[in-house]
N, C-alpha and C. Protein backbone atom coordinates (compact mmCIF):
# COMPACT_ATOMS: atom_id res chain seq x y z
N MET A 1 -52.72 -81.66 36.87
CA MET A 1 -52.95 -80.77 35.87
C MET A 1 -52.63 -81.75 34.40
N SER A 2 -53.39 -81.23 33.71
CA SER A 2 -53.17 -82.17 32.20
C SER A 2 -52.13 -81.41 31.57
N LEU A 3 -51.82 -82.35 30.54
CA LEU A 3 -50.53 -81.85 29.52
C LEU A 3 -50.99 -80.52 28.97
N ASP A 4 -52.33 -80.29 28.43
CA ASP A 4 -52.64 -79.26 27.76
C ASP A 4 -52.81 -78.07 28.47
N GLN A 5 -53.07 -78.31 29.60
CA GLN A 5 -52.98 -77.02 30.73
C GLN A 5 -51.66 -76.80 30.94
N VAL A 6 -50.72 -77.69 30.84
CA VAL A 6 -49.13 -77.35 31.21
C VAL A 6 -48.69 -76.51 30.34
N LEU A 7 -48.97 -76.88 28.90
CA LEU A 7 -48.69 -76.45 27.62
C LEU A 7 -49.03 -75.14 27.59
N ASP A 8 -50.53 -74.85 27.75
CA ASP A 8 -51.07 -73.38 27.84
C ASP A 8 -50.39 -72.39 28.77
N GLN A 9 -49.86 -72.98 30.07
CA GLN A 9 -49.37 -72.09 30.93
C GLN A 9 -47.82 -71.85 30.45
N ILE A 10 -47.11 -72.51 29.81
CA ILE A 10 -45.88 -72.51 29.31
C ILE A 10 -45.98 -71.29 28.23
N ASN A 11 -46.79 -71.69 27.12
CA ASN A 11 -47.08 -70.79 26.22
C ASN A 11 -47.48 -69.22 26.67
N GLU A 12 -48.11 -69.00 27.77
CA GLU A 12 -48.46 -68.05 28.28
C GLU A 12 -47.41 -67.33 28.84
N VAL A 13 -46.43 -67.84 29.58
CA VAL A 13 -45.21 -67.48 30.28
C VAL A 13 -44.16 -66.96 29.16
N THR A 14 -43.94 -67.91 28.15
CA THR A 14 -43.30 -67.50 27.15
C THR A 14 -43.67 -66.22 26.42
N LYS A 15 -45.11 -66.22 26.22
CA LYS A 15 -45.54 -64.84 25.27
C LYS A 15 -45.40 -63.64 26.18
N LYS A 16 -45.58 -63.74 27.76
CA LYS A 16 -45.12 -62.42 28.48
C LYS A 16 -43.77 -62.31 28.16
N GLU A 17 -43.00 -63.14 28.42
CA GLU A 17 -41.63 -63.02 28.16
C GLU A 17 -40.97 -62.42 26.92
N VAL A 18 -41.74 -62.86 25.83
CA VAL A 18 -41.50 -62.30 24.61
C VAL A 18 -42.16 -60.72 24.57
N ASP A 19 -43.12 -60.51 24.92
CA ASP A 19 -43.73 -59.27 25.16
C ASP A 19 -43.01 -58.28 25.62
N MET A 20 -42.17 -58.74 26.78
CA MET A 20 -41.28 -57.79 27.69
C MET A 20 -40.02 -57.64 26.86
N ILE A 21 -39.61 -58.82 26.04
CA ILE A 21 -38.59 -58.62 25.56
C ILE A 21 -38.72 -57.56 24.25
N LEU A 22 -39.70 -57.55 23.91
CA LEU A 22 -40.08 -56.89 22.49
C LEU A 22 -40.29 -55.34 22.93
N GLU A 23 -40.88 -55.33 24.32
CA GLU A 23 -40.99 -53.83 24.72
C GLU A 23 -39.89 -53.11 25.12
N GLU A 24 -38.78 -54.13 25.58
CA GLU A 24 -37.75 -53.57 26.10
C GLU A 24 -36.58 -53.10 24.86
N GLY A 25 -37.00 -53.97 23.79
CA GLY A 25 -36.20 -53.60 22.54
C GLY A 25 -36.82 -52.40 21.92
N ARG A 26 -38.05 -52.34 22.12
CA ARG A 26 -38.77 -50.94 21.64
C ARG A 26 -38.07 -49.77 22.26
N LEU A 27 -38.18 -49.82 23.68
CA LEU A 27 -37.67 -48.74 24.65
C LEU A 27 -36.25 -48.57 24.10
N GLU A 28 -35.26 -49.53 24.04
CA GLU A 28 -34.04 -49.62 23.49
C GLU A 28 -33.69 -48.71 22.25
N ALA A 29 -34.51 -48.97 21.37
CA ALA A 29 -34.69 -48.75 20.11
C ALA A 29 -35.01 -47.20 19.96
N PHE A 30 -36.08 -46.75 20.93
CA PHE A 30 -36.46 -45.50 21.08
C PHE A 30 -35.45 -44.52 21.52
N ARG A 31 -34.73 -44.92 22.84
CA ARG A 31 -33.76 -44.34 23.13
C ARG A 31 -32.57 -44.18 22.38
N ILE A 32 -32.13 -45.16 21.62
CA ILE A 32 -30.97 -45.01 20.89
C ILE A 32 -31.58 -43.97 19.58
N THR A 33 -32.65 -44.08 19.15
CA THR A 33 -33.15 -43.07 17.91
C THR A 33 -33.05 -41.64 18.71
N GLU A 34 -33.67 -41.37 19.98
CA GLU A 34 -33.80 -39.98 20.56
C GLU A 34 -32.07 -39.61 20.73
N ASN A 35 -31.21 -40.39 21.24
CA ASN A 35 -29.86 -40.05 21.49
C ASN A 35 -29.50 -39.61 19.96
N ALA A 36 -29.55 -40.65 19.01
CA ALA A 36 -28.86 -40.14 17.62
C ALA A 36 -29.64 -38.85 17.26
N ARG A 37 -30.82 -38.61 17.34
CA ARG A 37 -31.52 -37.24 16.88
C ARG A 37 -31.12 -36.26 17.58
N ASN A 38 -30.82 -36.53 19.13
CA ASN A 38 -30.08 -35.23 19.83
C ASN A 38 -28.64 -34.83 19.14
N GLU A 39 -27.82 -36.02 18.81
CA GLU A 39 -26.71 -35.96 18.43
C GLU A 39 -26.60 -35.14 17.11
N ALA A 40 -27.68 -35.79 16.32
CA ALA A 40 -27.61 -35.00 14.86
C ALA A 40 -28.19 -33.51 14.98
N GLU A 41 -28.71 -33.33 15.86
CA GLU A 41 -29.34 -31.77 16.32
C GLU A 41 -28.15 -30.98 16.86
N LYS A 42 -27.53 -31.69 17.70
CA LYS A 42 -26.32 -30.71 17.97
C LYS A 42 -25.43 -30.60 17.03
N LEU A 43 -25.02 -31.45 16.36
CA LEU A 43 -24.07 -31.55 15.19
C LEU A 43 -24.40 -30.54 14.07
N ARG A 44 -25.90 -30.35 13.84
CA ARG A 44 -26.45 -29.44 12.81
C ARG A 44 -26.28 -28.14 13.47
N GLU A 45 -26.40 -27.98 14.57
CA GLU A 45 -26.42 -26.62 15.25
C GLU A 45 -24.81 -26.07 14.99
N GLN A 46 -24.03 -27.08 15.31
CA GLN A 46 -22.56 -26.70 15.39
C GLN A 46 -22.18 -26.35 14.11
N LYS A 47 -22.56 -27.14 12.84
CA LYS A 47 -22.05 -27.03 11.69
C LYS A 47 -22.76 -25.63 11.18
N ASN A 48 -24.03 -25.38 11.60
CA ASN A 48 -24.90 -23.81 11.31
C ASN A 48 -24.01 -22.82 11.75
N ARG A 49 -23.41 -23.02 12.89
CA ARG A 49 -22.62 -22.04 13.63
C ARG A 49 -21.25 -21.88 12.91
N GLU A 50 -20.55 -22.80 12.44
CA GLU A 50 -19.32 -22.87 11.66
C GLU A 50 -19.53 -22.03 10.46
N LEU A 51 -20.95 -22.77 9.63
CA LEU A 51 -21.12 -21.85 8.45
C LEU A 51 -21.32 -20.69 8.74
N GLU A 52 -22.17 -20.19 9.64
CA GLU A 52 -22.35 -18.79 9.70
C GLU A 52 -21.18 -17.90 9.95
N SER A 53 -20.32 -18.42 11.04
CA SER A 53 -18.96 -17.81 11.03
C SER A 53 -17.97 -17.72 9.98
N THR A 54 -17.96 -18.81 9.11
CA THR A 54 -17.49 -18.80 7.83
C THR A 54 -17.91 -17.53 6.98
N LEU A 55 -19.20 -17.82 6.84
CA LEU A 55 -19.65 -16.59 5.86
C LEU A 55 -19.54 -15.33 6.62
N GLU A 56 -19.55 -15.17 7.50
CA GLU A 56 -18.93 -13.75 8.30
C GLU A 56 -17.60 -13.67 7.96
N LYS A 57 -16.68 -14.34 8.10
CA LYS A 57 -15.40 -14.07 7.57
C LYS A 57 -15.32 -13.92 6.23
N LEU A 58 -15.95 -14.52 5.33
CA LEU A 58 -15.90 -14.49 3.93
C LEU A 58 -16.26 -12.98 3.66
N LYS A 59 -17.63 -12.63 4.47
CA LYS A 59 -18.08 -11.50 4.16
C LYS A 59 -17.26 -10.27 4.28
N GLU A 60 -16.46 -10.38 5.35
CA GLU A 60 -15.66 -9.33 5.95
C GLU A 60 -14.28 -9.38 4.84
N ILE A 61 -13.83 -10.40 4.46
CA ILE A 61 -12.79 -10.51 3.54
C ILE A 61 -13.28 -9.75 2.38
N ARG A 62 -14.40 -10.16 1.83
CA ARG A 62 -14.80 -9.68 0.72
C ARG A 62 -15.06 -8.07 0.84
N LEU A 63 -15.52 -7.68 1.84
CA LEU A 63 -15.67 -6.55 2.06
C LEU A 63 -14.44 -5.50 2.26
N SER A 64 -13.34 -6.37 2.84
CA SER A 64 -11.95 -5.61 3.11
C SER A 64 -11.38 -5.51 1.42
N LYS A 65 -11.66 -6.76 0.51
CA LYS A 65 -11.08 -6.44 -0.78
C LYS A 65 -11.78 -5.36 -1.41
N VAL A 66 -13.55 -5.20 -1.34
CA VAL A 66 -13.64 -3.96 -2.20
C VAL A 66 -13.20 -2.72 -1.48
N ARG A 67 -13.08 -2.60 -0.05
CA ARG A 67 -12.29 -1.19 0.48
C ARG A 67 -10.92 -0.90 -0.09
N MET A 68 -10.18 -2.41 -0.20
CA MET A 68 -8.52 -2.00 -0.80
C MET A 68 -8.62 -1.64 -2.35
N GLU A 69 -9.74 -2.21 -3.21
CA GLU A 69 -9.68 -1.97 -4.47
C GLU A 69 -10.46 -0.72 -4.57
N TYR A 70 -11.28 -0.27 -3.95
CA TYR A 70 -11.62 1.34 -3.88
C TYR A 70 -10.66 2.08 -3.65
N LYS A 71 -9.66 2.07 -2.60
CA LYS A 71 -8.51 2.60 -2.17
C LYS A 71 -7.47 2.56 -3.39
N ARG A 72 -7.27 1.62 -3.95
CA ARG A 72 -6.18 1.43 -5.03
C ARG A 72 -6.75 2.19 -6.23
N LYS A 73 -8.07 2.16 -6.42
CA LYS A 73 -8.55 3.05 -7.84
C LYS A 73 -8.48 4.39 -7.36
N LYS A 74 -8.82 4.69 -6.27
CA LYS A 74 -8.81 6.23 -5.74
C LYS A 74 -7.46 6.66 -5.88
N LEU A 75 -6.54 5.89 -5.56
CA LEU A 75 -4.89 6.21 -5.54
C LEU A 75 -4.63 6.36 -6.95
N GLU A 76 -4.99 5.45 -7.87
CA GLU A 76 -4.58 5.54 -9.15
C GLU A 76 -5.25 6.81 -9.90
N MET A 77 -6.77 7.25 -9.31
CA MET A 77 -6.89 8.34 -10.10
C MET A 77 -6.24 9.56 -9.44
N GLU A 78 -5.89 9.50 -8.08
CA GLU A 78 -5.18 10.95 -7.35
C GLU A 78 -3.81 10.98 -8.20
N ARG A 79 -3.16 9.85 -8.43
CA ARG A 79 -1.94 9.62 -9.03
C ARG A 79 -2.08 10.52 -10.48
N GLU A 80 -3.02 9.97 -11.28
CA GLU A 80 -3.39 10.54 -12.63
C GLU A 80 -3.55 11.96 -12.51
N ILE A 81 -4.10 12.38 -11.48
CA ILE A 81 -4.46 13.87 -11.65
C ILE A 81 -3.50 14.86 -11.33
N ILE A 82 -2.81 14.30 -10.20
CA ILE A 82 -1.35 14.91 -9.72
C ILE A 82 -0.44 14.76 -11.08
N LYS A 83 -0.28 13.80 -11.69
CA LYS A 83 0.78 13.70 -12.71
C LYS A 83 0.14 14.76 -13.84
N LYS A 84 -1.17 14.63 -14.17
CA LYS A 84 -1.65 15.66 -15.27
C LYS A 84 -1.17 16.98 -14.83
N LEU A 85 -1.63 17.22 -13.51
CA LEU A 85 -1.17 18.49 -13.17
C LEU A 85 0.30 18.98 -13.16
N TRP A 86 1.09 18.16 -12.86
CA TRP A 86 2.54 18.15 -12.68
C TRP A 86 3.08 18.54 -14.13
N GLU A 87 2.44 17.55 -15.16
CA GLU A 87 3.07 17.94 -16.23
C GLU A 87 2.62 19.43 -16.79
N ARG A 88 1.38 19.76 -16.67
CA ARG A 88 1.00 20.87 -16.92
C ARG A 88 1.70 22.06 -16.31
N VAL A 89 1.95 22.03 -14.96
CA VAL A 89 2.98 22.99 -14.50
C VAL A 89 4.23 22.84 -14.88
N ARG A 90 4.78 21.66 -15.28
CA ARG A 90 5.98 21.83 -15.87
C ARG A 90 6.17 22.51 -17.24
N GLU A 91 4.97 22.18 -18.10
CA GLU A 91 4.82 22.83 -19.26
C GLU A 91 4.75 24.34 -19.04
N LYS A 92 4.27 24.95 -17.98
CA LYS A 92 4.29 26.18 -17.58
C LYS A 92 5.34 26.94 -17.29
N VAL A 93 6.13 26.10 -16.57
CA VAL A 93 7.45 26.69 -15.96
C VAL A 93 8.33 26.63 -17.08
N SER A 94 8.40 25.75 -18.13
CA SER A 94 9.34 26.05 -19.20
C SER A 94 8.92 27.13 -20.24
N GLU A 95 7.62 27.58 -19.94
CA GLU A 95 7.35 28.77 -20.63
C GLU A 95 7.28 30.05 -20.30
N ILE A 96 8.02 30.10 -18.85
CA ILE A 96 8.09 31.39 -18.09
C ILE A 96 8.89 32.52 -18.94
N ASP A 97 8.41 33.75 -18.63
CA ASP A 97 9.22 34.90 -19.63
C ASP A 97 10.69 34.78 -18.99
N ASP A 98 11.25 35.46 -19.74
CA ASP A 98 12.88 35.54 -19.57
C ASP A 98 13.26 36.33 -18.36
N GLU A 99 12.39 37.28 -18.10
CA GLU A 99 12.81 38.36 -16.83
C GLU A 99 12.51 37.20 -15.43
N THR A 100 11.39 36.48 -15.33
CA THR A 100 10.92 35.74 -14.62
C THR A 100 12.26 34.52 -14.35
N ASN A 101 12.54 34.10 -15.42
CA ASN A 101 13.38 33.10 -15.51
C ASN A 101 14.83 33.35 -14.92
N LYS A 102 15.19 34.50 -15.21
CA LYS A 102 16.56 35.31 -14.89
C LYS A 102 16.47 35.37 -13.29
N ARG A 103 15.34 35.92 -12.80
CA ARG A 103 15.25 36.34 -11.54
C ARG A 103 15.38 34.57 -10.59
N LEU A 104 14.56 33.64 -11.22
CA LEU A 104 14.80 32.68 -10.44
C LEU A 104 16.15 31.98 -10.52
N ILE A 105 16.98 31.95 -11.55
CA ILE A 105 18.28 31.58 -11.79
C ILE A 105 19.05 32.22 -10.74
N ARG A 106 18.88 33.54 -10.85
CA ARG A 106 20.02 34.20 -9.76
C ARG A 106 19.77 33.77 -8.30
N ARG A 107 18.41 33.58 -7.85
CA ARG A 107 18.25 32.85 -6.61
C ARG A 107 18.73 31.56 -6.72
N LEU A 108 18.90 30.76 -7.55
CA LEU A 108 19.37 29.51 -7.46
C LEU A 108 20.72 29.43 -7.23
N LEU A 109 21.32 30.61 -8.20
CA LEU A 109 22.64 30.58 -8.01
C LEU A 109 23.37 31.30 -6.81
N HIS A 110 22.45 31.99 -6.06
CA HIS A 110 22.76 32.51 -4.68
C HIS A 110 22.74 31.36 -3.74
N ILE A 111 21.73 30.38 -3.81
CA ILE A 111 21.49 29.10 -2.90
C ILE A 111 22.75 28.26 -3.01
N ALA A 112 22.90 28.02 -4.44
CA ALA A 112 24.22 27.17 -4.90
C ALA A 112 25.67 27.59 -4.24
N ARG A 113 25.91 29.08 -4.33
CA ARG A 113 27.02 29.62 -4.08
C ARG A 113 27.29 29.44 -2.52
N ALA A 114 26.25 29.72 -2.00
CA ALA A 114 26.17 30.21 -0.21
C ALA A 114 26.48 28.77 0.35
N THR A 115 25.92 27.75 0.06
CA THR A 115 26.17 26.74 0.84
C THR A 115 25.61 25.32 0.12
N PRO A 116 26.58 24.30 0.14
CA PRO A 116 25.99 23.06 -0.71
C PRO A 116 25.09 22.19 0.35
N VAL A 117 24.67 22.65 1.68
CA VAL A 117 23.85 21.70 2.26
C VAL A 117 22.69 22.18 2.71
N PHE A 118 22.18 23.31 1.78
CA PHE A 118 20.86 24.05 2.31
C PHE A 118 19.64 23.08 2.21
N SER A 119 19.67 21.80 1.42
CA SER A 119 18.78 20.91 1.45
C SER A 119 19.59 19.51 0.78
N ILE A 120 19.68 18.66 2.09
CA ILE A 120 20.43 17.28 1.77
C ILE A 120 19.53 16.32 0.52
N SER A 121 18.10 16.63 0.48
CA SER A 121 17.43 15.92 -0.51
C SER A 121 18.14 16.38 -2.20
N SER A 122 18.49 17.45 -2.13
CA SER A 122 18.97 18.09 -3.41
C SER A 122 20.43 17.34 -3.78
N ILE A 123 21.21 16.92 -2.93
CA ILE A 123 22.56 16.39 -3.35
C ILE A 123 22.60 15.06 -3.47
N THR A 124 23.50 14.77 -4.68
CA THR A 124 23.64 13.47 -5.16
C THR A 124 24.91 13.37 -5.04
N TYR A 125 25.58 11.84 -4.47
CA TYR A 125 27.01 11.61 -4.50
C TYR A 125 27.47 10.77 -5.76
N VAL A 126 28.58 10.88 -6.38
CA VAL A 126 29.16 9.97 -7.22
C VAL A 126 29.39 8.53 -6.63
N ASP A 127 30.04 8.67 -5.33
CA ASP A 127 30.41 7.67 -4.52
C ASP A 127 29.11 7.32 -3.47
N HIS A 128 28.26 6.30 -3.87
CA HIS A 128 27.18 6.29 -2.99
C HIS A 128 27.33 5.91 -1.62
N ASP A 129 28.68 5.34 -1.20
CA ASP A 129 29.07 5.14 0.21
C ASP A 129 29.44 6.21 1.01
N LEU A 130 29.51 7.42 0.23
CA LEU A 130 29.89 8.79 0.95
C LEU A 130 29.10 9.14 1.74
N VAL A 131 28.99 9.39 3.02
CA VAL A 131 28.03 9.83 4.15
C VAL A 131 28.38 11.15 4.54
N GLU A 132 29.68 11.84 4.72
CA GLU A 132 29.72 13.07 5.35
C GLU A 132 29.31 14.09 4.41
N VAL A 133 28.93 15.07 5.20
CA VAL A 133 28.20 16.09 4.62
C VAL A 133 29.13 17.14 4.13
N PRO A 134 28.88 17.37 2.58
CA PRO A 134 30.18 18.51 2.01
C PRO A 134 30.31 19.83 3.01
N THR A 135 31.51 20.09 3.02
CA THR A 135 31.65 21.62 3.62
C THR A 135 31.93 22.70 2.68
N LYS A 136 32.53 22.26 1.48
CA LYS A 136 32.96 23.34 0.56
C LYS A 136 31.86 23.52 -0.46
N ARG A 137 32.22 24.83 -0.99
CA ARG A 137 30.92 25.42 -2.08
C ARG A 137 31.47 24.73 -3.22
N PRO A 138 30.21 24.49 -3.91
CA PRO A 138 30.38 23.99 -5.42
C PRO A 138 31.41 24.72 -6.22
N PHE A 139 31.93 23.90 -7.23
CA PHE A 139 33.17 24.72 -8.14
C PHE A 139 32.65 25.15 -9.66
N TYR A 140 31.86 23.68 -10.02
CA TYR A 140 31.37 23.74 -11.69
C TYR A 140 29.89 24.03 -11.55
N ILE A 141 29.47 24.41 -12.70
CA ILE A 141 27.86 24.67 -12.94
C ILE A 141 27.51 24.26 -14.27
N TYR A 142 26.14 23.83 -14.28
CA TYR A 142 25.73 23.45 -15.45
C TYR A 142 24.14 23.92 -15.68
N SER A 143 23.73 24.01 -17.04
CA SER A 143 22.49 24.51 -17.16
C SER A 143 21.99 24.21 -18.42
N ASN A 144 20.62 24.51 -18.78
CA ASN A 144 20.24 24.26 -20.33
C ASN A 144 20.88 25.18 -21.27
N PRO A 145 20.96 25.22 -22.50
CA PRO A 145 21.44 26.25 -23.24
C PRO A 145 20.82 27.70 -23.08
N ARG A 146 19.30 27.66 -22.95
CA ARG A 146 18.90 28.84 -22.82
C ARG A 146 19.28 29.58 -21.80
N ASP A 147 19.72 29.22 -20.55
CA ASP A 147 20.09 29.75 -19.25
C ASP A 147 21.83 30.02 -19.26
N GLU A 148 22.41 29.51 -20.13
CA GLU A 148 23.88 29.81 -20.27
C GLU A 148 24.59 31.14 -20.18
N ASP A 149 23.84 32.11 -21.02
CA ASP A 149 24.34 33.44 -20.71
C ASP A 149 24.11 34.17 -19.54
N THR A 150 22.96 33.84 -19.04
CA THR A 150 22.64 34.35 -17.65
C THR A 150 23.55 33.86 -16.54
N ILE A 151 23.79 32.52 -16.44
CA ILE A 151 24.75 32.17 -15.75
C ILE A 151 26.20 32.51 -15.88
N ARG A 152 26.70 32.63 -16.95
CA ARG A 152 27.93 32.95 -17.16
C ARG A 152 28.05 34.69 -16.56
N LYS A 153 26.93 35.39 -16.84
CA LYS A 153 27.07 36.71 -16.51
C LYS A 153 26.89 37.04 -14.92
N TYR A 154 25.94 36.05 -14.14
CA TYR A 154 25.87 36.43 -13.00
C TYR A 154 26.42 35.44 -11.76
N SER A 155 27.31 34.47 -12.40
CA SER A 155 27.86 33.30 -11.53
C SER A 155 29.35 33.45 -11.53
N ASP A 156 30.11 33.19 -10.45
CA ASP A 156 31.38 33.00 -10.37
C ASP A 156 32.01 31.63 -10.55
N LEU A 157 31.06 30.78 -10.66
CA LEU A 157 31.45 29.11 -10.68
C LEU A 157 31.77 28.98 -12.28
N GLU A 158 32.51 27.78 -12.35
CA GLU A 158 33.03 27.54 -13.84
C GLU A 158 31.98 26.58 -14.32
N TYR A 159 31.72 27.50 -15.77
CA TYR A 159 30.42 26.94 -16.53
C TYR A 159 30.81 25.66 -17.04
N SER A 160 30.51 24.32 -16.78
CA SER A 160 30.97 23.16 -17.47
C SER A 160 30.12 22.43 -18.38
N GLY A 161 28.98 23.19 -18.86
CA GLY A 161 28.48 22.66 -19.91
C GLY A 161 26.78 22.56 -19.83
N ASN A 162 26.03 22.20 -20.99
CA ASN A 162 24.66 22.12 -21.07
C ASN A 162 24.06 20.77 -20.62
N ILE A 163 23.06 20.68 -19.74
CA ILE A 163 22.33 19.56 -19.47
C ILE A 163 20.99 19.70 -20.08
N ASP A 164 20.38 18.41 -20.13
CA ASP A 164 18.84 18.50 -20.56
C ASP A 164 17.95 18.75 -19.34
N CYS A 165 17.59 19.88 -19.30
CA CYS A 165 16.26 20.44 -18.36
C CYS A 165 15.57 21.54 -18.75
N ILE A 166 14.36 21.51 -18.13
CA ILE A 166 13.66 22.67 -18.61
C ILE A 166 14.07 23.86 -17.97
N GLY A 167 14.97 24.10 -17.07
CA GLY A 167 15.52 25.21 -16.47
C GLY A 167 16.34 25.07 -15.25
N GLY A 168 16.92 26.05 -14.56
CA GLY A 168 17.62 25.62 -13.34
C GLY A 168 19.04 25.46 -13.64
N ILE A 169 19.51 24.97 -12.62
CA ILE A 169 21.02 24.76 -12.58
C ILE A 169 21.55 23.24 -11.77
N VAL A 170 22.47 22.82 -12.06
CA VAL A 170 23.38 21.77 -11.30
C VAL A 170 24.67 22.47 -11.07
N ALA A 171 24.76 22.30 -9.47
CA ALA A 171 26.08 22.58 -9.27
C ALA A 171 26.79 21.62 -8.77
N GLU A 172 28.30 21.54 -9.06
CA GLU A 172 29.15 20.54 -8.75
C GLU A 172 30.59 20.76 -7.89
N SER A 173 30.80 19.69 -7.18
CA SER A 173 32.11 20.33 -6.37
C SER A 173 33.12 19.99 -7.28
N GLU A 174 34.46 20.74 -6.90
CA GLU A 174 35.76 20.58 -7.47
C GLU A 174 36.08 19.23 -7.93
N ASP A 175 35.98 18.37 -6.72
CA ASP A 175 36.39 16.96 -7.24
C ASP A 175 35.46 16.17 -7.71
N ARG A 176 34.19 16.72 -8.18
CA ARG A 176 33.17 16.02 -8.73
C ARG A 176 32.59 14.76 -8.11
N HIS A 177 32.65 14.87 -6.46
CA HIS A 177 32.18 13.91 -5.74
C HIS A 177 30.67 13.92 -5.66
N TRP A 178 30.28 15.11 -5.56
CA TRP A 178 28.65 15.43 -5.19
C TRP A 178 28.19 16.55 -6.06
N LYS A 179 26.71 16.46 -6.23
CA LYS A 179 26.13 17.58 -7.27
C LYS A 179 25.11 18.09 -6.34
N ILE A 180 24.78 19.47 -6.52
CA ILE A 180 23.26 19.96 -6.03
C ILE A 180 22.57 19.96 -7.36
N ASN A 181 21.38 19.45 -7.33
CA ASN A 181 20.64 19.43 -8.46
C ASN A 181 19.52 20.50 -7.94
N LEU A 182 19.35 21.78 -8.52
CA LEU A 182 18.41 22.78 -8.21
C LEU A 182 17.79 22.91 -9.69
N THR A 183 17.72 22.08 -10.78
CA THR A 183 16.75 22.26 -11.81
C THR A 183 15.26 22.12 -11.77
N TYR A 184 14.57 22.80 -12.49
CA TYR A 184 13.30 23.02 -12.23
C TYR A 184 12.62 21.66 -12.09
N ASP A 185 13.07 20.88 -12.88
CA ASP A 185 12.71 19.37 -13.03
C ASP A 185 12.64 18.70 -11.82
N SER A 186 13.95 18.80 -11.15
CA SER A 186 14.17 18.08 -9.80
C SER A 186 13.30 18.81 -8.47
N LEU A 187 13.03 20.10 -8.73
CA LEU A 187 12.19 20.62 -7.79
C LEU A 187 10.71 20.15 -7.78
N LEU A 188 10.39 20.20 -9.18
CA LEU A 188 8.95 19.68 -9.44
C LEU A 188 8.92 18.41 -9.22
N GLU A 189 9.67 17.70 -9.47
CA GLU A 189 9.71 16.15 -9.13
C GLU A 189 9.54 15.98 -7.38
N GLU A 190 10.07 16.77 -6.79
CA GLU A 190 10.05 16.70 -5.31
C GLU A 190 8.59 17.05 -4.82
N VAL A 191 7.96 18.17 -5.63
CA VAL A 191 6.61 18.32 -5.16
C VAL A 191 5.72 17.47 -5.59
N PHE A 192 5.85 16.73 -6.72
CA PHE A 192 4.86 15.62 -7.21
C PHE A 192 4.97 14.29 -6.20
N GLU A 193 6.51 14.26 -5.77
CA GLU A 193 6.46 12.94 -4.85
C GLU A 193 5.69 12.94 -3.61
N ASN A 194 5.92 14.43 -3.16
CA ASN A 194 5.41 14.85 -1.63
C ASN A 194 3.94 14.71 -1.77
N SER A 195 3.31 15.39 -2.81
CA SER A 195 1.95 15.11 -3.20
C SER A 195 1.48 13.76 -3.18
N MET A 196 2.02 12.95 -3.75
CA MET A 196 1.84 11.40 -3.85
C MET A 196 1.95 10.75 -2.37
N LYS A 197 2.96 11.01 -1.79
CA LYS A 197 3.12 10.61 -0.45
C LYS A 197 1.81 11.14 0.59
N LYS A 198 1.39 12.20 0.39
CA LYS A 198 0.16 12.92 0.92
C LYS A 198 -0.98 12.04 0.81
N ALA A 199 -1.33 11.76 -0.63
CA ALA A 199 -2.36 11.08 -0.90
C ALA A 199 -2.33 9.72 -0.52
N TYR A 200 -1.43 9.00 -0.56
CA TYR A 200 -1.19 7.76 -0.16
C TYR A 200 -1.49 7.63 1.21
N LYS A 201 -0.81 8.57 2.22
CA LYS A 201 -1.14 8.47 3.76
C LYS A 201 -2.82 8.82 3.69
N ASN A 202 -3.34 9.70 3.00
CA ASN A 202 -4.70 10.10 3.35
C ASN A 202 -5.59 8.80 2.95
N LEU A 203 -5.32 8.13 1.99
CA LEU A 203 -6.24 6.97 1.63
C LEU A 203 -5.95 5.87 2.30
N LEU A 204 -4.72 5.41 2.77
CA LEU A 204 -4.39 4.15 3.15
C LEU A 204 -4.05 4.35 4.76
N GLY A 205 -4.02 5.58 5.01
CA GLY A 205 -3.85 5.55 6.57
C GLY A 205 -2.72 5.22 7.20
N GLU A 206 -1.45 5.59 6.22
CA GLU A 206 -0.14 5.09 6.67
C GLU A 206 0.69 6.03 6.64
């Protein structure tokens, strides 16, 4: 075999080996590319799911905030309505005729004289640590100037002076440790607070 033939054979073998190496390289590159593409697609899907989940959470948070803001404004509106109504009622109560006022005062005197525990919420203590329920009836009584004559006429409690209120009475124990607030102001305030509690529960479900 001549030298040229040997060289040609070597070149042919070398070319085949190079082609095989190149083909293997192309296949490996394709495999790597496919794997990378698949991983990228999986990552993209995962990120899309995370993004959708985040958007849903943000949507829920935003919706929850909108609901809370609505409830807050609704509560403010209810409070304003109740407050205006309370002020109107307070004004009307302060303008009641003398006969009606005297009748109410006499009823309140009867309640205060009969027992100091008819309504615990109406009792206030000078000593806030005092917890026992009082058993004695009140001794002193207070009112606004308008009702003073009526009280002196119909009550045997010792009249102890005028107070700033639209009407009603405040009865006090002899040792001055507790008072029963039966002023119209206090009674109306209790109605106002109960109305606000009801509105709060209805709106916020608490």
